[in-house]
Amino acid sequence: MKKLCFLLLLCICPAFIILSNAQSSQPENAHSKKEQKTSDGKEKKRMKSDEAGKKRHQKIQTKKTRKRMRESKKKSRKINDPKKEFFLFRLFRK
């Protein structure tokens, strides 16, 4: 009789442990989803305010300055973009 109670207890305890862990993990997931939503909202607000700041900065400048800024931006892109290697290197590369 003692052996039977002991075996029954050994079989039931892990089941309770598994059920308790499964129930406790659900609120954590819900909590992390809520945190993710709030962080996404904050990120979106920050990006929007950055864009508004850039537009305001552009609007404040004079026409000549805006033109100069556009030209320098174009020039920097041209210089900093990755370029192809010399055609002979590309041709004879293995």
C-alpha atoms as a PDB file:
ATOM      1  CA  MET A   1       0.000   0.000   0.000  1.00  0.00           C
ATOM      2  CA  LYS A   2       2.818   2.397   0.854  1.00  0.00           C
ATOM      3  CA  LYS A   3       4.583   1.587  -2.388  1.00  0.00           C
ATOM      4  CA  LEU A   4       1.398   2.272  -4.355  1.00  0.00           C
ATOM      5  CA  CYS A   5       0.890   5.674  -2.669  1.00  0.00           C
ATOM      6  CA  PHE A   6       4.514   6.557  -3.250  1.00  0.00           C
ATOM      7  CA  LEU A   7       4.345   5.643  -6.964  1.00  0.00           C
ATOM      8  CA  LEU A   8       1.096   7.559  -7.365  1.00  0.00           C
ATOM      9  CA  LEU A   9       2.640  10.585  -5.693  1.00  0.00           C
ATOM     10  CA  LEU A  10       5.707  10.370  -7.965  1.00  0.00           C
ATOM     11  CA  CYS A  11       3.489  10.319 -11.054  1.00  0.00           C
ATOM     12  CA  ILE A  12       1.210  13.173 -10.012  1.00  0.00           C
ATOM     13  CA  CYS A  13       3.861  15.660  -8.771  1.00  0.00           C
ATOM     14  CA  PRO A  14       5.560  16.208 -12.141  1.00  0.00           C
ATOM     15  CA  ALA A  15       2.168  16.781 -13.756  1.00  0.00           C
ATOM     16  CA  PHE A  16       1.395  19.550 -11.261  1.00  0.00           C
ATOM     17  CA  ILE A  17       4.797  21.117 -11.791  1.00  0.00           C
ATOM     18  CA  ILE A  18       4.352  21.129 -15.571  1.00  0.00           C
ATOM     19  CA  LEU A  19       0.877  22.660 -15.309  1.00  0.00           C
ATOM     20  CA  SER A  20       2.038  25.372 -12.937  1.00  0.00           C
ATOM     21  CA  ASN A  21       4.925  26.329 -15.259  1.00  0.00           C
ATOM     22  CA  ALA A  22       2.645  26.460 -18.285  1.00  0.00           C
ATOM     23  CA  GLN A  23       0.186  28.744 -16.523  1.00  0.00           C
ATOM     24  CA  SER A  24       2.869  31.117 -15.261  1.00  0.00           C
ATOM     25  CA  SER A  25       4.489  31.528 -18.695  1.00  0.00           C
ATOM     26  CA  GLN A  26       1.358  32.965 -20.315  1.00  0.00           C
ATOM     27  CA  PRO A  27       1.332  36.254 -18.347  1.00  0.00           C
ATOM     28  CA  GLU A  28       5.033  36.725 -19.071  1.00  0.00           C
ATOM     29  CA  ASN A  29       4.361  36.433 -22.795  1.00  0.00           C
ATOM     30  CA  ALA A  30       1.477  38.886 -22.548  1.00  0.00           C
ATOM     31  CA  HIS A  31       3.667  41.255 -20.538  1.00  0.00           C
ATOM     32  CA  SER A  32       6.501  41.058 -23.068  1.00  0.00           C
ATOM     33  CA  LYS A  33       4.058  41.664 -25.939  1.00  0.00           C
ATOM     34  CA  LYS A  34       2.758  44.743 -24.134  1.00  0.00           C
ATOM     35  CA  GLU A  35       6.307  46.010 -23.624  1.00  0.00           C
ATOM     36  CA  GLN A  36       7.049  45.374 -27.292  1.00  0.00           C
ATOM     37  CA  LYS A  37       4.010  47.420 -28.355  1.00  0.00           C
ATOM     38  CA  THR A  38       4.971  50.339 -26.127  1.00  0.00           C
ATOM     39  CA  SER A  39       8.577  50.296 -27.348  1.00  0.00           C
ATOM     40  CA  ASP A  40       7.356  50.167 -30.966  1.00  0.00           C
ATOM     41  CA  GLY A  41       5.102  53.150 -30.290  1.00  0.00           C
ATOM     42  CA  LYS A  42       7.945  55.110 -28.734  1.00  0.00           C
ATOM     43  CA  GLU A  43      10.222  54.265 -31.662  1.00  0.00           C
ATOM     44  CA  LYS A  44       7.574  55.399 -34.136  1.00  0.00           C
ATOM     45  CA  LYS A  45       7.086  58.696 -32.274  1.00  0.00           C
ATOM     46  CA  ARG A  46      10.841  59.267 -32.194  1.00  0.00           C
ATOM     47  CA  MET A  47      11.173  58.641 -35.930  1.00  0.00           C
ATOM     48  CA  LYS A  48       8.268  60.988 -36.642  1.00  0.00           C
ATOM     49  CA  SER A  49       9.770  63.756 -34.521  1.00  0.00           C
ATOM     50  CA  ASP A  50      13.145  63.265 -36.241  1.00  0.00           C
ATOM     51  CA  GLU A  51      11.511  63.676 -39.639  1.00  0.00           C
ATOM     52  CA  ALA A  52       9.674  66.781 -38.470  1.00  0.00           C
ATOM     53  CA  GLY A  53      12.960  68.215 -37.179  1.00  0.00           C
ATOM     54  CA  LYS A  54      14.673  67.569 -40.507  1.00  0.00           C
ATOM     55  CA  LYS A  55      11.853  69.262 -42.421  1.00  0.00           C
ATOM     56  CA  ARG A  56      11.934  72.253 -40.078  1.00  0.00           C
ATOM     57  CA  HIS A  57      15.703  72.516 -40.445  1.00  0.00           C
ATOM     58  CA  GLN A  58      15.368  72.495 -44.249  1.00  0.00           C
ATOM     59  CA  LYS A  59      12.635  75.137 -44.157  1.00  0.00           C
ATOM     60  CA  ILE A  60      14.701  77.523 -42.047  1.00  0.00           C
ATOM     61  CA  GLN A  61      17.569  77.577 -44.580  1.00  0.00           C
ATOM     62  CA  THR A  62      17.806  80.038 -47.446  1.00  0.00           C
ATOM     63  CA  LYS A  63      17.378  78.901 -51.030  1.00  0.00           C
ATOM     64  CA  LYS A  64      21.122  79.045 -51.739  1.00  0.00           C
ATOM     65  CA  THR A  65      21.920  77.067 -48.625  1.00  0.00           C
ATOM     66  CA  ARG A  66      19.379  74.349 -49.488  1.00  0.00           C
ATOM     67  CA  LYS A  67      20.873  74.053 -52.958  1.00  0.00           C
ATOM     68  CA  ARG A  68      24.372  73.792 -51.507  1.00  0.00           C
ATOM     69  CA  MET A  69      23.170  71.146 -49.030  1.00  0.00           C
ATOM     70  CA  ARG A  70      21.610  69.085 -51.824  1.00  0.00           C
ATOM     71  CA  GLU A  71      24.772  69.296 -53.892  1.00  0.00           C
ATOM     72  CA  SER A  72      27.035  68.315 -51.019  1.00  0.00           C
ATOM     73  CA  LYS A  73      24.722  65.407 -50.143  1.00  0.00           C
ATOM     74  CA  LYS A  74      24.836  64.188 -53.732  1.00  0.00           C
ATOM     75  CA  LYS A  75      28.619  64.579 -53.832  1.00  0.00           C
ATOM     76  CA  SER A  76      29.115  62.681 -50.579  1.00  0.00           C
ATOM     77  CA  ARG A  77      26.906  59.834 -51.795  1.00  0.00           C
ATOM     78  CA  LYS A  78      28.943  59.628 -54.984  1.00  0.00           C
ATOM     79  CA  ILE A  79      32.214  59.497 -53.048  1.00  0.00           C
ATOM     80  CA  ASN A  80      31.130  57.154 -50.258  1.00  0.00           C
ATOM     81  CA  ASP A  81      29.137  54.578 -52.223  1.00  0.00           C
ATOM     82  CA  PRO A  82      30.975  51.335 -52.861  1.00  0.00           C
ATOM     83  CA  LYS A  83      32.539  51.375 -56.289  1.00  0.00           C
ATOM     84  CA  LYS A  84      33.439  48.586 -58.654  1.00  0.00           C
ATOM     85  CA  GLU A  85      37.026  47.471 -58.767  1.00  0.00           C
ATOM     86  CA  PHE A  86      39.205  48.263 -61.709  1.00  0.00           C
ATOM     87  CA  PHE A  87      37.962  46.216 -64.678  1.00  0.00           C
ATOM     88  CA  LEU A  88      41.220  44.298 -65.092  1.00  0.00           C
ATOM     89  CA  PHE A  89      41.063  43.109 -61.501  1.00  0.00           C
ATOM     90  CA  ARG A  90      37.495  41.974 -62.028  1.00  0.00           C
ATOM     91  CA  LEU A  91      38.355  40.347 -65.330  1.00  0.00           C
ATOM     92  CA  PHE A  92      41.285  38.293 -64.073  1.00  0.00           C
ATOM     93  CA  ARG A  93      39.948  37.448 -60.641  1.00  0.00           C
ATOM     94  CA  LYS A  94      39.464  33.773 -60.049  1.00  0.00           C
END
